[in-house]
Amino acid sequence: MPGSPDYWWNARTSDNLSGITSNVIQTVQSIVMPEINKRLSDEGLINSWINDGYAGTTEIGRFKYLTTLLKTKGNFDTLNQVVETFMQQSKGKPISSRAIEHLKEIEYSK
């Protein structure tokens, strides 16, 4: 949900669920589906990850998925930029070694 990572509807057994159901349907149609549609293409997913949209994964997860996808698509200029930026930002952090391992796994070389 915008501005909040989670949203929970409160319902009791005595509640009329039509209002909650209507709100859930409206939320799925107006918020959830447009977000899913943005990521249906490889380019949409790449753009989301490049712009730091990585809900549902971690920083290192986003890096792994993004670099793998960029390498597979042959988008080496963007791949090099992503790797350089990530390695600068993660310098001295534990995720740096995990990133290096991943780059070896995907046989990355600049």
Foldseek 3Di string as FASTA:
>chain_A
DPPDLDDDDDDDPPDDCPVVVVVVVCCCVPPVVVLVVQCPDLVSVLVCLVVVNDPPDDVLVSLLVNLLSCVVVVVVVVNVVSLVVVLVVCVPHPCNVVSVVSCVVSVDDD
